[in-house]
Amino acid sequence: MLTPGRYVGAPEAEADAEPLDAKMARLTATLKAQFAEGAQLEQRIAQNLARLGYEL
């Protein structure tokens, strides 16, 4: 068997006490906020490039 954990003693994963539904709701809300922030940053970068004469 070529599974590295078998030979190097990888630690067991800890059990997660957070329910899956709650975890997914939290993670998707975080991702949505990060997407919004990314869109704002992308717009600011495009504006800065336009001021320098480089249109996207």
N, C-alpha and C. Protein backbone atom coordinates (compact mmCIF):
# COMPACT_ATOMS: atom_id res chain seq x y z
N MET A 1 0.85 -1.18 0.00
CA MET A 1 0.00 0.00 0.00
C MET A 1 0.89 1.23 0.00
N LEU A 2 0.53 2.22 -0.77
CA LEU A 2 1.36 3.41 -0.92
C LEU A 2 0.80 4.64 -0.21
N THR A 3 -0.05 4.47 0.77
CA THR A 3 -0.60 5.58 1.53
C THR A 3 0.46 6.09 2.50
N PRO A 4 0.91 7.36 2.35
CA PRO A 4 1.99 7.85 3.21
C PRO A 4 1.67 7.79 4.70
N GLY A 5 0.43 8.06 5.09
CA GLY A 5 0.07 8.04 6.50
C GLY A 5 0.32 6.70 7.16
N ARG A 6 0.29 5.67 6.38
CA ARG A 6 0.52 4.33 6.91
C ARG A 6 1.96 4.17 7.41
N TYR A 7 2.89 4.89 6.81
CA TYR A 7 4.30 4.71 7.11
C TYR A 7 4.87 5.83 7.98
N VAL A 8 4.28 7.01 7.97
CA VAL A 8 4.84 8.12 8.73
C VAL A 8 4.02 8.47 9.95
N GLY A 9 2.94 7.78 10.19
CA GLY A 9 2.15 8.01 11.39
C GLY A 9 1.37 9.30 11.37
N ALA A 10 0.59 9.54 10.34
CA ALA A 10 -0.25 10.74 10.28
C ALA A 10 -1.27 10.71 11.42
N PRO A 11 -1.48 11.86 12.08
CA PRO A 11 -2.43 11.88 13.20
C PRO A 11 -3.87 11.70 12.71
N GLU A 12 -4.68 11.13 13.57
CA GLU A 12 -6.10 10.96 13.27
C GLU A 12 -6.77 12.32 13.23
N ALA A 13 -7.72 12.48 12.32
CA ALA A 13 -8.48 13.73 12.24
C ALA A 13 -9.41 13.84 13.44
N GLU A 14 -9.48 15.06 13.99
CA GLU A 14 -10.35 15.28 15.14
C GLU A 14 -11.80 15.38 14.68
N ALA A 15 -12.71 14.89 15.51
CA ALA A 15 -14.13 14.97 15.20
C ALA A 15 -14.60 16.42 15.32
N ASP A 16 -15.45 16.84 14.42
CA ASP A 16 -15.98 18.19 14.42
C ASP A 16 -17.35 18.17 15.08
N ALA A 17 -17.52 18.97 16.14
CA ALA A 17 -18.77 18.97 16.88
C ALA A 17 -19.84 19.85 16.24
N GLU A 18 -19.45 20.70 15.28
CA GLU A 18 -20.41 21.60 14.64
C GLU A 18 -21.27 20.83 13.65
N PRO A 19 -22.59 20.95 13.73
CA PRO A 19 -23.47 20.25 12.79
C PRO A 19 -23.19 20.71 11.36
N LEU A 20 -23.34 19.79 10.41
CA LEU A 20 -23.02 20.07 9.02
C LEU A 20 -23.83 21.24 8.47
N ASP A 21 -25.13 21.29 8.75
CA ASP A 21 -25.97 22.37 8.23
C ASP A 21 -25.48 23.73 8.73
N ALA A 22 -25.15 23.82 10.00
CA ALA A 22 -24.67 25.08 10.57
C ALA A 22 -23.30 25.44 10.00
N LYS A 23 -22.46 24.45 9.83
CA LYS A 23 -21.12 24.70 9.30
C LYS A 23 -21.19 25.19 7.85
N MET A 24 -22.04 24.55 7.04
CA MET A 24 -22.17 24.96 5.65
C MET A 24 -22.76 26.36 5.54
N ALA A 25 -23.73 26.69 6.39
CA ALA A 25 -24.32 28.03 6.39
C ALA A 25 -23.26 29.07 6.74
N ARG A 26 -22.44 28.78 7.74
CA ARG A 26 -21.38 29.70 8.15
C ARG A 26 -20.34 29.86 7.05
N LEU A 27 -19.92 28.75 6.46
CA LEU A 27 -18.89 28.80 5.43
C LEU A 27 -19.37 29.49 4.15
N THR A 28 -20.62 29.25 3.76
CA THR A 28 -21.14 29.90 2.56
C THR A 28 -21.33 31.40 2.79
N ALA A 29 -21.71 31.80 4.00
CA ALA A 29 -21.82 33.23 4.31
C ALA A 29 -20.45 33.89 4.26
N THR A 30 -19.43 33.22 4.77
CA THR A 30 -18.08 33.74 4.71
C THR A 30 -17.61 33.87 3.27
N LEU A 31 -17.88 32.85 2.48
CA LEU A 31 -17.49 32.86 1.07
C LEU A 31 -18.18 33.98 0.31
N LYS A 32 -19.46 34.19 0.59
CA LYS A 32 -20.22 35.27 -0.06
C LYS A 32 -19.60 36.63 0.26
N ALA A 33 -19.23 36.83 1.51
CA ALA A 33 -18.60 38.09 1.92
C ALA A 33 -17.24 38.26 1.24
N GLN A 34 -16.50 37.17 1.13
CA GLN A 34 -15.19 37.24 0.47
C GLN A 34 -15.33 37.51 -1.02
N PHE A 35 -16.35 36.94 -1.67
CA PHE A 35 -16.61 37.24 -3.08
C PHE A 35 -16.94 38.72 -3.26
N ALA A 36 -17.75 39.27 -2.38
CA ALA A 36 -18.12 40.69 -2.46
C ALA A 36 -16.88 41.57 -2.29
N GLU A 37 -16.05 41.24 -1.33
CA GLU A 37 -14.83 42.01 -1.12
C GLU A 37 -13.90 41.89 -2.33
N GLY A 38 -13.82 40.70 -2.90
CA GLY A 38 -12.99 40.50 -4.09
C GLY A 38 -13.48 41.32 -5.27
N ALA A 39 -14.79 41.43 -5.44
CA ALA A 39 -15.35 42.23 -6.52
C ALA A 39 -15.02 43.71 -6.33
N GLN A 40 -15.11 44.19 -5.08
CA GLN A 40 -14.77 45.58 -4.80
C GLN A 40 -13.30 45.85 -5.08
N LEU A 41 -12.44 44.93 -4.68
CA LEU A 41 -11.00 45.10 -4.92
C LEU A 41 -10.68 45.06 -6.41
N GLU A 42 -11.36 44.18 -7.13
CA GLU A 42 -11.16 44.10 -8.58
C GLU A 42 -11.54 45.41 -9.25
N GLN A 43 -12.64 46.00 -8.79
CA GLN A 43 -13.08 47.29 -9.35
C GLN A 43 -12.08 48.39 -9.04
N ARG A 44 -11.56 48.42 -7.83
CA ARG A 44 -10.57 49.43 -7.47
C ARG A 44 -9.29 49.27 -8.28
N ILE A 45 -8.88 48.04 -8.51
CA ILE A 45 -7.68 47.79 -9.32
C ILE A 45 -7.90 48.28 -10.75
N ALA A 46 -9.08 47.97 -11.30
CA ALA A 46 -9.40 48.41 -12.67
C ALA A 46 -9.40 49.94 -12.75
N GLN A 47 -9.94 50.61 -11.73
CA GLN A 47 -9.95 52.08 -11.72
C GLN A 47 -8.53 52.64 -11.65
N ASN A 48 -7.70 52.03 -10.82
CA ASN A 48 -6.31 52.49 -10.70
C ASN A 48 -5.55 52.29 -12.00
N LEU A 49 -5.77 51.16 -12.65
CA LEU A 49 -5.11 50.91 -13.93
C LEU A 49 -5.60 51.90 -14.99
N ALA A 50 -6.89 52.21 -14.97
CA ALA A 50 -7.45 53.16 -15.93
C ALA A 50 -6.82 54.54 -15.73
N ARG A 51 -6.60 54.94 -14.49
CA ARG A 51 -5.95 56.23 -14.23
C ARG A 51 -4.53 56.27 -14.77
N LEU A 52 -3.91 55.08 -14.83
CA LEU A 52 -2.55 55.00 -15.37
C LEU A 52 -2.53 54.84 -16.88
N GLY A 53 -3.72 54.72 -17.46
CA GLY A 53 -3.83 54.60 -18.92
C GLY A 53 -3.90 53.18 -19.42
N TYR A 54 -4.18 52.24 -18.55
CA TYR A 54 -4.27 50.84 -18.93
C TYR A 54 -5.69 50.33 -18.68
N GLU A 55 -6.49 50.30 -19.73
CA GLU A 55 -7.87 49.81 -19.61
C GLU A 55 -7.88 48.29 -19.63
N LEU A 56 -8.78 47.70 -18.89
CA LEU A 56 -8.94 46.24 -18.92
C LEU A 56 -9.93 45.85 -19.99
